[in-house]
Amino acid sequence: MSLPNPSADATVVVTGASSGIGTELARDLARRGYPLLLVARRQERLDDLAAQLQEKHAVAVDVMALDLAETSARTELVKRLAGSAIAGLCNSAGFGTSGQFHTLPVEREREQVTLNALALMDLTHAALPGMIDRGVGAVLNIASIAGFQPVPGMAVYSATKAFVQTFSEAVHEELHGTGVSCTALCPGPVPTEWADI
């Protein structure tokens, strides 16, 4: 991530901030001095994390409790991103399902595609114009090693992460020379609440 130096106006937005990789990204960014906007579904967890980070690192932390699988919630955050001078966007919100695709509830699979791929695309699209205008900024999209190959038993999850990876790589190339980066982080298995969401 090519973030500008930490300052009061270098806010980084972290989605999926109430658990797992999103929480750890928020902790690291706060430790480095970045003001944060934390986004996730669970208000109480966001408030608790914000209080911890403010107390420990003396950084400004704002929270938005939103379910980014819902169109109205995505629209609310898209408007916030488009109207703010943000330094970075960490798209960490996501979940996975497992089982034989034809036996899983298709509504849940559709929700997974919406959150893991479409929400990430919408938020990236909203954040980039301002970053490009300012000549600095970074987008970090959480993909997975599951995106490198088809994964039977996790067909939709691996497909969404393949999207995140190829989308991020393509956008990164499009941003060449702008001072803005788009990176895909492709972790292996991480003990999180990933399947419990």
Protein backbone atom coordinates (compact mmCIF):
# COMPACT_ATOMS: atom_id res chain seq x y z
CA MET A 1 0.00 0.00 0.00
CA SER A 2 1.36 3.41 -0.95
CA LEU A 3 -0.24 5.47 1.78
CA PRO A 4 0.80 9.06 2.40
CA ASN A 5 2.46 9.79 5.71
CA PRO A 6 0.10 9.71 8.69
CA SER A 7 -1.64 13.03 9.35
CA ALA A 8 -4.98 14.28 10.61
CA ASP A 9 -6.34 14.39 7.05
CA ALA A 10 -4.99 10.99 5.93
CA THR A 11 -7.98 8.86 6.95
CA VAL A 12 -7.98 5.18 6.08
CA VAL A 13 -11.29 3.34 5.70
CA VAL A 14 -11.37 -0.30 6.85
CA THR A 15 -14.38 -2.47 6.04
CA GLY A 16 -14.97 -5.70 7.90
CA ALA A 17 -13.31 -4.01 10.86
CA SER A 18 -15.23 -5.78 13.63
CA SER A 19 -13.25 -9.04 13.38
CA GLY A 20 -10.43 -10.96 11.75
CA ILE A 21 -8.13 -9.36 9.21
CA GLY A 22 -10.10 -6.10 9.27
CA THR A 23 -9.55 -5.68 13.01
CA GLU A 24 -5.84 -6.39 12.67
CA LEU A 25 -5.48 -3.92 9.79
CA ALA A 26 -7.21 -1.27 11.91
CA ARG A 27 -4.88 -1.96 14.84
CA ASP A 28 -1.78 -1.70 12.68
CA LEU A 29 -2.92 1.48 10.94
CA ALA A 30 -3.77 3.12 14.28
CA ARG A 31 -0.39 2.08 15.67
CA ARG A 32 1.19 3.86 12.69
CA GLY A 33 -0.82 7.01 13.43
CA TYR A 34 -3.58 6.97 10.80
CA PRO A 35 -7.05 8.30 11.59
CA LEU A 36 -9.63 5.64 10.76
CA LEU A 37 -13.16 5.10 9.56
CA LEU A 38 -14.17 1.60 10.64
CA VAL A 39 -17.07 -0.11 8.88
CA ALA A 40 -18.81 -3.36 9.79
CA ARG A 41 -22.25 -4.67 10.75
CA ARG A 42 -21.79 -4.86 14.51
CA GLN A 43 -22.02 -1.45 16.20
CA GLU A 44 -20.93 -2.62 19.66
CA ARG A 45 -17.76 -4.26 18.36
CA LEU A 46 -16.93 -1.21 16.28
CA ASP A 47 -17.42 1.07 19.27
CA ASP A 48 -15.24 -1.15 21.47
CA LEU A 49 -12.45 -1.29 18.88
CA ALA A 50 -12.63 2.47 18.28
CA ALA A 51 -12.33 3.16 22.01
CA GLN A 52 -9.33 0.82 22.32
CA LEU A 53 -7.53 2.40 19.36
CA GLN A 54 -8.23 5.96 20.49
CA GLU A 55 -6.99 5.23 23.99
CA LYS A 56 -3.89 3.29 22.97
CA HIS A 57 -2.78 5.32 19.94
CA ALA A 58 -4.48 8.74 20.32
CA VAL A 59 -5.87 8.66 16.77
CA ALA A 60 -9.27 9.81 15.55
CA VAL A 61 -11.58 6.87 14.88
CA ASP A 62 -15.05 7.13 13.37
CA VAL A 63 -17.39 4.17 12.90
CA MET A 64 -20.25 3.30 10.57
CA ALA A 65 -22.34 0.22 11.34
CA LEU A 66 -23.39 -0.99 7.88
CA ASP A 67 -24.14 -4.32 6.22
CA LEU A 68 -22.41 -3.83 2.89
CA ALA A 69 -24.35 -6.70 1.34
CA GLU A 70 -27.33 -4.32 1.38
CA THR A 71 -27.66 -1.81 -1.45
CA SER A 72 -28.71 1.08 0.81
CA ALA A 73 -25.71 0.55 3.10
CA ARG A 74 -23.29 0.44 0.17
CA THR A 75 -24.84 3.61 -1.21
CA GLU A 76 -24.37 5.37 2.13
CA LEU A 77 -20.68 4.45 2.29
CA VAL A 78 -20.12 5.21 -1.41
CA LYS A 79 -21.44 8.74 -0.81
CA ARG A 80 -19.14 9.14 2.20
CA LEU A 81 -16.10 7.95 0.22
CA ALA A 82 -16.87 10.13 -2.78
CA GLY A 83 -17.24 13.19 -0.56
CA SER A 84 -14.18 12.64 1.63
CA ALA A 85 -10.45 13.05 1.14
CA ILE A 86 -9.44 9.56 2.20
CA ALA A 87 -5.87 8.30 2.03
CA GLY A 88 -6.62 4.60 1.93
CA LEU A 89 -9.33 1.99 1.59
CA CYS A 90 -8.97 -1.53 2.99
CA ASN A 91 -11.72 -3.74 1.57
CA SER A 92 -11.75 -6.52 4.15
CA ALA A 93 -15.48 -7.21 4.50
CA GLY A 94 -16.40 -10.66 3.29
CA PHE A 95 -17.49 -14.16 4.18
CA GLY A 96 -17.45 -17.67 2.81
CA THR A 97 -19.68 -20.68 2.60
CA SER A 98 -18.82 -24.30 2.09
CA GLY A 99 -20.61 -27.31 0.71
CA GLN A 100 -21.79 -28.62 -2.62
CA PHE A 101 -22.95 -25.58 -4.58
CA HIS A 102 -26.24 -27.13 -5.71
CA THR A 103 -27.23 -27.87 -2.10
CA LEU A 104 -26.55 -24.40 -0.70
CA PRO A 105 -29.22 -21.66 -0.49
CA VAL A 106 -28.73 -19.59 -3.63
CA GLU A 107 -29.75 -16.41 -1.78
CA ARG A 108 -26.78 -16.84 0.57
CA GLU A 109 -24.45 -17.49 -2.37
CA ARG A 110 -25.74 -14.34 -4.08
CA GLU A 111 -25.13 -12.37 -0.87
CA GLN A 112 -21.56 -13.71 -0.82
CA VAL A 113 -20.96 -12.49 -4.39
CA THR A 114 -22.46 -9.11 -3.50
CA LEU A 115 -20.31 -8.58 -0.42
CA ASN A 116 -17.05 -10.18 -1.55
CA ALA A 117 -16.99 -8.75 -5.09
CA LEU A 118 -19.61 -6.12 -5.90
CA ALA A 119 -19.33 -4.11 -2.67
CA LEU A 120 -15.54 -4.09 -3.03
CA MET A 121 -15.88 -2.87 -6.63
CA ASP A 122 -18.39 -0.14 -5.69
CA LEU A 123 -16.24 1.17 -2.84
CA THR A 124 -13.06 1.13 -4.91
CA HIS A 125 -14.85 3.01 -7.69
CA ALA A 126 -16.01 5.66 -5.20
CA ALA A 127 -12.60 6.12 -3.56
CA LEU A 128 -10.31 6.26 -6.59
CA PRO A 129 -11.27 9.57 -8.26
CA GLY A 130 -10.38 11.64 -5.18
CA MET A 131 -7.14 9.73 -4.64
CA ILE A 132 -6.16 10.24 -8.28
CA ASP A 133 -7.01 13.97 -8.08
CA ARG A 134 -4.75 14.28 -5.01
CA GLY A 135 -2.02 12.13 -6.59
CA VAL A 136 -1.77 9.81 -3.60
CA GLY A 137 -3.67 6.95 -2.02
CA ALA A 138 -3.94 3.21 -1.70
CA VAL A 139 -6.58 0.53 -2.01
CA LEU A 140 -5.96 -2.82 -0.35
CA ASN A 141 -8.38 -5.58 -1.37
CA ILE A 142 -8.44 -8.80 0.63
CA ALA A 143 -8.40 -11.72 -1.79
CA SER A 144 -7.25 -15.24 -0.87
CA ILE A 145 -5.06 -18.06 -2.05
CA ALA A 146 -8.43 -19.69 -2.81
CA GLY A 147 -8.67 -17.29 -5.75
CA PHE A 148 -5.77 -18.91 -7.58
CA GLN A 149 -7.67 -22.09 -8.47
CA PRO A 150 -11.17 -23.57 -8.38
CA VAL A 151 -11.98 -24.93 -4.92
CA PRO A 152 -14.67 -27.64 -4.94
CA GLY A 153 -16.81 -27.27 -1.84
CA MET A 154 -16.15 -23.51 -1.86
CA ALA A 155 -17.07 -22.76 -5.47
CA VAL A 156 -18.58 -19.32 -4.98
CA TYR A 157 -16.03 -18.17 -2.40
CA SER A 158 -13.06 -19.08 -4.60
CA ALA A 159 -14.76 -17.45 -7.60
CA THR A 160 -15.27 -14.20 -5.69
CA LYS A 161 -11.65 -14.16 -4.58
CA ALA A 162 -10.47 -14.80 -8.15
CA PHE A 163 -12.48 -11.72 -9.09
CA VAL A 164 -10.85 -9.67 -6.33
CA GLN A 165 -7.38 -10.73 -7.42
CA THR A 166 -7.77 -10.08 -11.15
CA PHE A 167 -9.78 -6.89 -10.61
CA SER A 168 -7.11 -5.52 -8.25
CA GLU A 169 -4.25 -6.38 -10.59
CA ALA A 170 -6.00 -4.76 -13.56
CA VAL A 171 -6.89 -1.60 -11.65
CA HIS A 172 -3.32 -1.38 -10.32
CA GLU A 173 -2.01 -1.29 -13.90
CA GLU A 174 -4.60 1.33 -14.87
CA LEU A 175 -3.34 3.51 -12.00
CA HIS A 176 0.28 3.50 -13.19
CA GLY A 177 1.74 7.00 -12.89
CA THR A 178 -1.08 8.41 -10.74
CA GLY A 179 0.55 7.99 -7.33
CA VAL A 180 -2.27 5.64 -6.32
CA SER A 181 -2.01 1.88 -5.87
CA CYS A 182 -4.44 -1.02 -5.79
CA THR A 183 -3.14 -4.19 -4.14
CA ALA A 184 -4.62 -7.64 -3.59
CA LEU A 185 -3.60 -9.37 -0.37
CA CYS A 186 -3.92 -13.15 -0.82
CA PRO A 187 -3.67 -14.81 2.61
CA GLY A 188 -3.89 -18.50 3.27
CA PRO A 189 -6.16 -19.89 5.98
CA VAL A 190 -6.56 -17.47 8.88
CA PRO A 191 -8.52 -18.28 12.06
CA THR A 192 -11.33 -15.72 11.86
CA GLU A 193 -15.12 -15.62 12.05
CA TRP A 194 -15.17 -15.88 8.24
CA ALA A 195 -17.75 -18.69 8.03
CA ASP A 196 -19.85 -17.44 10.95
CA ILE A 197 -21.03 -14.20 9.35
